[in-house]
Amino acid sequence: MLTQEEFKHVKKLAKLEIHLLEQEYHNILNHVDFAIYEHVEWLDEEQTSELVRKRKNRRYASLTVELCSIMEQMLLQLYKRTYQKRFNSTQLMKTPAYRARTNMEILEAELGKQHIVLKAGKEQCSTALHQAFQTRNRLIHENFSFVAVVKDGSNEEETFEWILHAVKKYRKHLKYEGLA
């Protein structure tokens, strides 16, 4: 059975990984080194700018996938430590209540049975996280193009920051109501 200390440790590790990823994001925002492209003489300034934009787009996409992976790994670790077995979504999907659910929804439901839930009134964090995972899935199916998932009226930075905020809030408001 999962202890309160183990729960806190898993959440703390996820927080550290999210923080490191956030630092990487800030480095992308604040530092574009055009010097690395100088040795490619056949690119003009416009082509170099386009290459930088495309690379930035892919980096946001990869950071989004990594953010979702951090959350999924955190929940999988909690599941494994709680149930003392590996998460098997194929087996769980045989349960009628889980047939039309995503892995994320199944994990939440299974962990909820063991008192690992969002704080009261923070259910919107689950909805936001599910939207972040849907964005990740679209990224993967849209040829890894972050531009394809940018929300209407937003830019790449705003969309990524929304995803980052959703992940951070979900992790923060997840609590363990089990016995200490």
C-alpha atoms as a PDB file:
ATOM      1  CA  MET A   1       0.000   0.000   0.000  1.00  0.00           C
ATOM      2  CA  LEU A   2       1.165   3.499  -0.833  1.00  0.00           C
ATOM      3  CA  THR A   3       2.264   5.621   2.103  1.00  0.00           C
ATOM      4  CA  GLN A   4       1.837   9.375   2.441  1.00  0.00           C
ATOM      5  CA  GLU A   5       5.633   9.769   2.293  1.00  0.00           C
ATOM      6  CA  GLU A   6       5.873   7.776  -0.962  1.00  0.00           C
ATOM      7  CA  PHE A   7       3.036   9.822  -2.423  1.00  0.00           C
ATOM      8  CA  LYS A   8       4.807  13.074  -1.547  1.00  0.00           C
ATOM      9  CA  HIS A   9       8.101  11.748  -2.938  1.00  0.00           C
ATOM     10  CA  VAL A  10       6.562  10.818  -6.308  1.00  0.00           C
ATOM     11  CA  LYS A  11       4.873  14.230  -6.556  1.00  0.00           C
ATOM     12  CA  LYS A  12       8.083  16.010  -5.560  1.00  0.00           C
ATOM     13  CA  LEU A  13      10.072  14.211  -8.277  1.00  0.00           C
ATOM     14  CA  ALA A  14       7.448  15.184 -10.861  1.00  0.00           C
ATOM     15  CA  LYS A  15       7.638  18.789  -9.621  1.00  0.00           C
ATOM     16  CA  LEU A  16      11.412  18.774 -10.094  1.00  0.00           C
ATOM     17  CA  GLU A  17      11.116  17.391 -13.624  1.00  0.00           C
ATOM     18  CA  ILE A  18       8.464  19.972 -14.518  1.00  0.00           C
ATOM     19  CA  HIS A  19      10.681  22.727 -13.107  1.00  0.00           C
ATOM     20  CA  LEU A  20      13.651  21.550 -15.189  1.00  0.00           C
ATOM     21  CA  LEU A  21      11.477  21.434 -18.293  1.00  0.00           C
ATOM     22  CA  GLU A  22      10.179  24.923 -17.527  1.00  0.00           C
ATOM     23  CA  GLN A  23      13.776  26.187 -17.332  1.00  0.00           C
ATOM     24  CA  GLU A  24      14.422  24.660 -20.737  1.00  0.00           C
ATOM     25  CA  TYR A  25      11.348  26.455 -22.078  1.00  0.00           C
ATOM     26  CA  HIS A  26      12.610  29.788 -20.719  1.00  0.00           C
ATOM     27  CA  ASN A  27      15.970  29.156 -22.389  1.00  0.00           C
ATOM     28  CA  ILE A  28      14.156  28.664 -25.714  1.00  0.00           C
ATOM     29  CA  LEU A  29      12.266  31.920 -25.208  1.00  0.00           C
ATOM     30  CA  ASN A  30      15.253  33.984 -24.205  1.00  0.00           C
ATOM     31  CA  HIS A  31      18.036  32.633 -26.374  1.00  0.00           C
ATOM     32  CA  VAL A  32      18.198  32.159 -30.110  1.00  0.00           C
ATOM     33  CA  ASP A  33      21.767  31.648 -31.252  1.00  0.00           C
ATOM     34  CA  PHE A  34      21.912  32.585 -34.920  1.00  0.00           C
ATOM     35  CA  ALA A  35      25.675  31.960 -34.808  1.00  0.00           C
ATOM     36  CA  ILE A  36      25.125  28.213 -35.083  1.00  0.00           C
ATOM     37  CA  TYR A  37      23.705  28.806 -38.565  1.00  0.00           C
ATOM     38  CA  GLU A  38      26.617  30.965 -39.800  1.00  0.00           C
ATOM     39  CA  HIS A  39      28.539  28.017 -41.216  1.00  0.00           C
ATOM     40  CA  VAL A  40      25.657  27.324 -43.600  1.00  0.00           C
ATOM     41  CA  GLU A  41      26.458  30.012 -46.150  1.00  0.00           C
ATOM     42  CA  TRP A  42      23.783  28.996 -48.649  1.00  0.00           C
ATOM     43  CA  LEU A  43      20.964  30.051 -46.285  1.00  0.00           C
ATOM     44  CA  ASP A  44      19.909  33.665 -46.562  1.00  0.00           C
ATOM     45  CA  GLU A  45      18.508  35.618 -43.594  1.00  0.00           C
ATOM     46  CA  GLU A  46      14.880  34.750 -44.378  1.00  0.00           C
ATOM     47  CA  GLN A  47      15.651  31.043 -44.718  1.00  0.00           C
ATOM     48  CA  THR A  48      17.607  31.107 -41.469  1.00  0.00           C
ATOM     49  CA  SER A  49      14.693  32.772 -39.663  1.00  0.00           C
ATOM     50  CA  GLU A  50      12.306  30.171 -41.082  1.00  0.00           C
ATOM     51  CA  LEU A  51      14.597  27.358 -39.920  1.00  0.00           C
ATOM     52  CA  VAL A  52      14.783  28.888 -36.427  1.00  0.00           C
ATOM     53  CA  ARG A  53      10.967  29.200 -36.334  1.00  0.00           C
ATOM     54  CA  LYS A  54      10.492  25.558 -37.403  1.00  0.00           C
ATOM     55  CA  ARG A  55      12.993  24.322 -34.839  1.00  0.00           C
ATOM     56  CA  LYS A  56      11.314  26.360 -32.080  1.00  0.00           C
ATOM     57  CA  ASN A  57       7.962  24.879 -33.134  1.00  0.00           C
ATOM     58  CA  ARG A  58       9.348  21.323 -32.842  1.00  0.00           C
ATOM     59  CA  ARG A  59      10.941  22.114 -29.489  1.00  0.00           C
ATOM     60  CA  TYR A  60       7.572  23.279 -28.102  1.00  0.00           C
ATOM     61  CA  ALA A  61       6.037  20.092 -29.454  1.00  0.00           C
ATOM     62  CA  SER A  62       8.678  17.918 -27.802  1.00  0.00           C
ATOM     63  CA  LEU A  63       8.349  19.811 -24.503  1.00  0.00           C
ATOM     64  CA  THR A  64       4.577  19.241 -24.612  1.00  0.00           C
ATOM     65  CA  VAL A  65       5.047  15.516 -25.164  1.00  0.00           C
ATOM     66  CA  GLU A  66       7.579  15.406 -22.335  1.00  0.00           C
ATOM     67  CA  LEU A  67       5.267  17.312 -19.958  1.00  0.00           C
ATOM     68  CA  CYS A  68       2.481  14.819 -20.582  1.00  0.00           C
ATOM     69  CA  SER A  69       4.961  11.955 -20.144  1.00  0.00           C
ATOM     70  CA  ILE A  70       6.026  13.327 -16.760  1.00  0.00           C
ATOM     71  CA  MET A  71       2.410  13.387 -15.594  1.00  0.00           C
ATOM     72  CA  GLU A  72       1.644   9.964 -17.002  1.00  0.00           C
ATOM     73  CA  GLN A  73       4.763   8.501 -15.358  1.00  0.00           C
ATOM     74  CA  MET A  74       3.817  10.101 -12.035  1.00  0.00           C
ATOM     75  CA  LEU A  75       0.352   8.555 -12.161  1.00  0.00           C
ATOM     76  CA  LEU A  76       1.754   5.196 -13.300  1.00  0.00           C
ATOM     77  CA  GLN A  77       4.200   5.209 -10.370  1.00  0.00           C
ATOM     78  CA  LEU A  78       1.375   5.996  -7.964  1.00  0.00           C
ATOM     79  CA  TYR A  79      -0.693   3.191  -9.480  1.00  0.00           C
ATOM     80  CA  LYS A  80       2.189   0.697  -9.294  1.00  0.00           C
ATOM     81  CA  ARG A  81       2.997   1.572  -5.687  1.00  0.00           C
ATOM     82  CA  THR A  82      -0.677   1.533  -4.689  1.00  0.00           C
ATOM     83  CA  TYR A  83      -1.699  -1.706  -6.367  1.00  0.00           C
ATOM     84  CA  GLN A  84       1.724  -3.385  -6.294  1.00  0.00           C
ATOM     85  CA  LYS A  85       1.393  -4.265  -9.968  1.00  0.00           C
ATOM     86  CA  ARG A  86       1.948  -2.792 -13.395  1.00  0.00           C
ATOM     87  CA  PHE A  87      -0.870  -0.770 -14.990  1.00  0.00           C
ATOM     88  CA  ASN A  88      -2.519  -2.853 -17.715  1.00  0.00           C
ATOM     89  CA  SER A  89      -4.947  -0.648 -19.632  1.00  0.00           C
ATOM     90  CA  THR A  90      -5.830  -3.455 -22.068  1.00  0.00           C
ATOM     91  CA  GLN A  91      -7.047  -5.617 -19.205  1.00  0.00           C
ATOM     92  CA  LEU A  92      -8.859  -2.741 -17.499  1.00  0.00           C
ATOM     93  CA  MET A  93     -10.588  -1.723 -20.743  1.00  0.00           C
ATOM     94  CA  LYS A  94     -12.405  -5.054 -20.636  1.00  0.00           C
ATOM     95  CA  THR A  95     -14.374  -3.580 -17.737  1.00  0.00           C
ATOM     96  CA  PRO A  96     -17.562  -2.083 -19.244  1.00  0.00           C
ATOM     97  CA  ALA A  97     -17.152   1.213 -17.358  1.00  0.00           C
ATOM     98  CA  TYR A  98     -13.681   1.714 -18.882  1.00  0.00           C
ATOM     99  CA  ARG A  99     -14.321   0.704 -22.508  1.00  0.00           C
ATOM    100  CA  ALA A 100     -14.589   4.200 -23.952  1.00  0.00           C
ATOM    101  CA  ARG A 101     -12.065   5.833 -21.624  1.00  0.00           C
ATOM    102  CA  THR A 102      -8.507   6.958 -22.210  1.00  0.00           C
ATOM    103  CA  ASN A 103      -5.572   5.608 -20.210  1.00  0.00           C
ATOM    104  CA  MET A 104      -5.523   8.882 -18.296  1.00  0.00           C
ATOM    105  CA  GLU A 105      -9.189   8.550 -17.319  1.00  0.00           C
ATOM    106  CA  ILE A 106      -8.700   4.912 -16.295  1.00  0.00           C
ATOM    107  CA  LEU A 107      -5.668   5.806 -14.180  1.00  0.00           C
ATOM    108  CA  GLU A 108      -7.595   8.590 -12.456  1.00  0.00           C
ATOM    109  CA  ALA A 109     -10.539   6.304 -11.743  1.00  0.00           C
ATOM    110  CA  GLU A 110      -8.353   3.499 -10.402  1.00  0.00           C
ATOM    111  CA  LEU A 111      -6.319   5.857  -8.226  1.00  0.00           C
ATOM    112  CA  GLY A 112      -9.534   7.498  -7.038  1.00  0.00           C
ATOM    113  CA  LYS A 113     -10.628   4.122  -5.662  1.00  0.00           C
ATOM    114  CA  GLN A 114      -7.551   4.302  -3.432  1.00  0.00           C
ATOM    115  CA  HIS A 115      -8.190   7.883  -2.289  1.00  0.00           C
ATOM    116  CA  ILE A 116      -5.753   9.611  -4.648  1.00  0.00           C
ATOM    117  CA  VAL A 117      -7.901  12.458  -5.905  1.00  0.00           C
ATOM    118  CA  LEU A 118      -7.875  16.143  -6.720  1.00  0.00           C
ATOM    119  CA  LYS A 119      -8.614  18.529  -3.887  1.00  0.00           C
ATOM    120  CA  ALA A 120     -12.283  19.450  -3.600  1.00  0.00           C
ATOM    121  CA  GLY A 121     -13.273  22.158  -6.054  1.00  0.00           C
ATOM    122  CA  LYS A 122     -10.257  21.514  -8.312  1.00  0.00           C
ATOM    123  CA  GLU A 123     -11.981  19.143 -10.749  1.00  0.00           C
ATOM    124  CA  GLN A 124     -11.346  21.629 -13.584  1.00  0.00           C
ATOM    125  CA  CYS A 125      -7.661  20.674 -13.261  1.00  0.00           C
ATOM    126  CA  SER A 126      -8.563  17.206 -14.504  1.00  0.00           C
ATOM    127  CA  THR A 127     -10.427  18.651 -17.493  1.00  0.00           C
ATOM    128  CA  ALA A 128      -7.471  20.911 -18.315  1.00  0.00           C
ATOM    129  CA  LEU A 129      -5.041  17.997 -18.055  1.00  0.00           C
ATOM    130  CA  HIS A 130      -7.227  15.881 -20.346  1.00  0.00           C
ATOM    131  CA  GLN A 131      -7.192  18.749 -22.861  1.00  0.00           C
ATOM    132  CA  ALA A 132      -3.386  18.904 -22.591  1.00  0.00           C
ATOM    133  CA  PHE A 133      -3.224  15.159 -23.319  1.00  0.00           C
ATOM    134  CA  GLN A 134      -5.573  15.618 -26.284  1.00  0.00           C
ATOM    135  CA  THR A 135      -3.232  18.348 -27.520  1.00  0.00           C
ATOM    136  CA  ARG A 136      -0.294  15.951 -27.161  1.00  0.00           C
ATOM    137  CA  ASN A 137      -2.179  13.314 -29.148  1.00  0.00           C
ATOM    138  CA  ARG A 138      -3.001  15.821 -31.897  1.00  0.00           C
ATOM    139  CA  LEU A 139       0.649  16.853 -32.014  1.00  0.00           C
ATOM    140  CA  ILE A 140       1.698  13.301 -32.615  1.00  0.00           C
ATOM    141  CA  HIS A 141      -0.940  12.769 -35.298  1.00  0.00           C
ATOM    142  CA  GLU A 142      -0.398  16.180 -36.969  1.00  0.00           C
ATOM    143  CA  ASN A 143       3.197  15.467 -37.967  1.00  0.00           C
ATOM    144  CA  PHE A 144       4.572  16.919 -34.761  1.00  0.00           C
ATOM    145  CA  SER A 145       3.499  20.429 -35.699  1.00  0.00           C
ATOM    146  CA  PHE A 146       2.912  22.713 -32.748  1.00  0.00           C
ATOM    147  CA  VAL A 147       1.353  25.290 -35.076  1.00  0.00           C
ATOM    148  CA  ALA A 148      -1.438  22.764 -35.734  1.00  0.00           C
ATOM    149  CA  VAL A 149      -2.422  22.747 -32.039  1.00  0.00           C
ATOM    150  CA  VAL A 150      -2.123  26.438 -31.209  1.00  0.00           C
ATOM    151  CA  LYS A 151      -5.395  27.656 -29.773  1.00  0.00           C
ATOM    152  CA  ASP A 152      -7.376  30.238 -31.716  1.00  0.00           C
ATOM    153  CA  GLY A 153      -6.312  33.761 -30.816  1.00  0.00           C
ATOM    154  CA  SER A 154      -3.080  32.516 -29.233  1.00  0.00           C
ATOM    155  CA  ASN A 155       0.501  32.004 -30.232  1.00  0.00           C
ATOM    156  CA  GLU A 156       2.908  29.126 -29.575  1.00  0.00           C
ATOM    157  CA  GLU A 157       4.146  30.559 -26.280  1.00  0.00           C
ATOM    158  CA  GLU A 158       0.634  31.147 -24.882  1.00  0.00           C
ATOM    159  CA  THR A 159      -0.490  27.655 -25.875  1.00  0.00           C
ATOM    160  CA  PHE A 160       2.572  26.010 -24.347  1.00  0.00           C
ATOM    161  CA  GLU A 161       2.211  28.076 -21.178  1.00  0.00           C
ATOM    162  CA  TRP A 162      -1.430  26.963 -20.920  1.00  0.00           C
ATOM    163  CA  ILE A 163      -0.315  23.314 -21.132  1.00  0.00           C
ATOM    164  CA  LEU A 164       2.464  23.905 -18.592  1.00  0.00           C
ATOM    165  CA  HIS A 165       0.011  25.612 -16.227  1.00  0.00           C
ATOM    166  CA  ALA A 166      -2.503  22.724 -16.565  1.00  0.00           C
ATOM    167  CA  VAL A 167       0.163  20.144 -15.717  1.00  0.00           C
ATOM    168  CA  LYS A 168       1.518  22.123 -12.764  1.00  0.00           C
ATOM    169  CA  LYS A 169      -1.956  22.733 -11.299  1.00  0.00           C
ATOM    170  CA  TYR A 170      -2.994  19.098 -11.651  1.00  0.00           C
ATOM    171  CA  ARG A 171       0.155  17.871  -9.905  1.00  0.00           C
ATOM    172  CA  LYS A 172      -0.201  20.490  -7.178  1.00  0.00           C
ATOM    173  CA  HIS A 173      -3.838  19.681  -6.398  1.00  0.00           C
ATOM    174  CA  LEU A 174      -3.515  15.904  -6.434  1.00  0.00           C
ATOM    175  CA  LYS A 175      -3.774  14.614  -2.871  1.00  0.00           C
ATOM    176  CA  TYR A 176      -3.742  11.346  -1.029  1.00  0.00           C
ATOM    177  CA  GLU A 177      -6.544  10.838   1.453  1.00  0.00           C
ATOM    178  CA  GLY A 178      -5.297   7.399   2.506  1.00  0.00           C
ATOM    179  CA  LEU A 179      -4.055   6.394   5.899  1.00  0.00           C
ATOM    180  CA  ALA A 180      -0.741   7.941   6.888  1.00  0.00           C
END
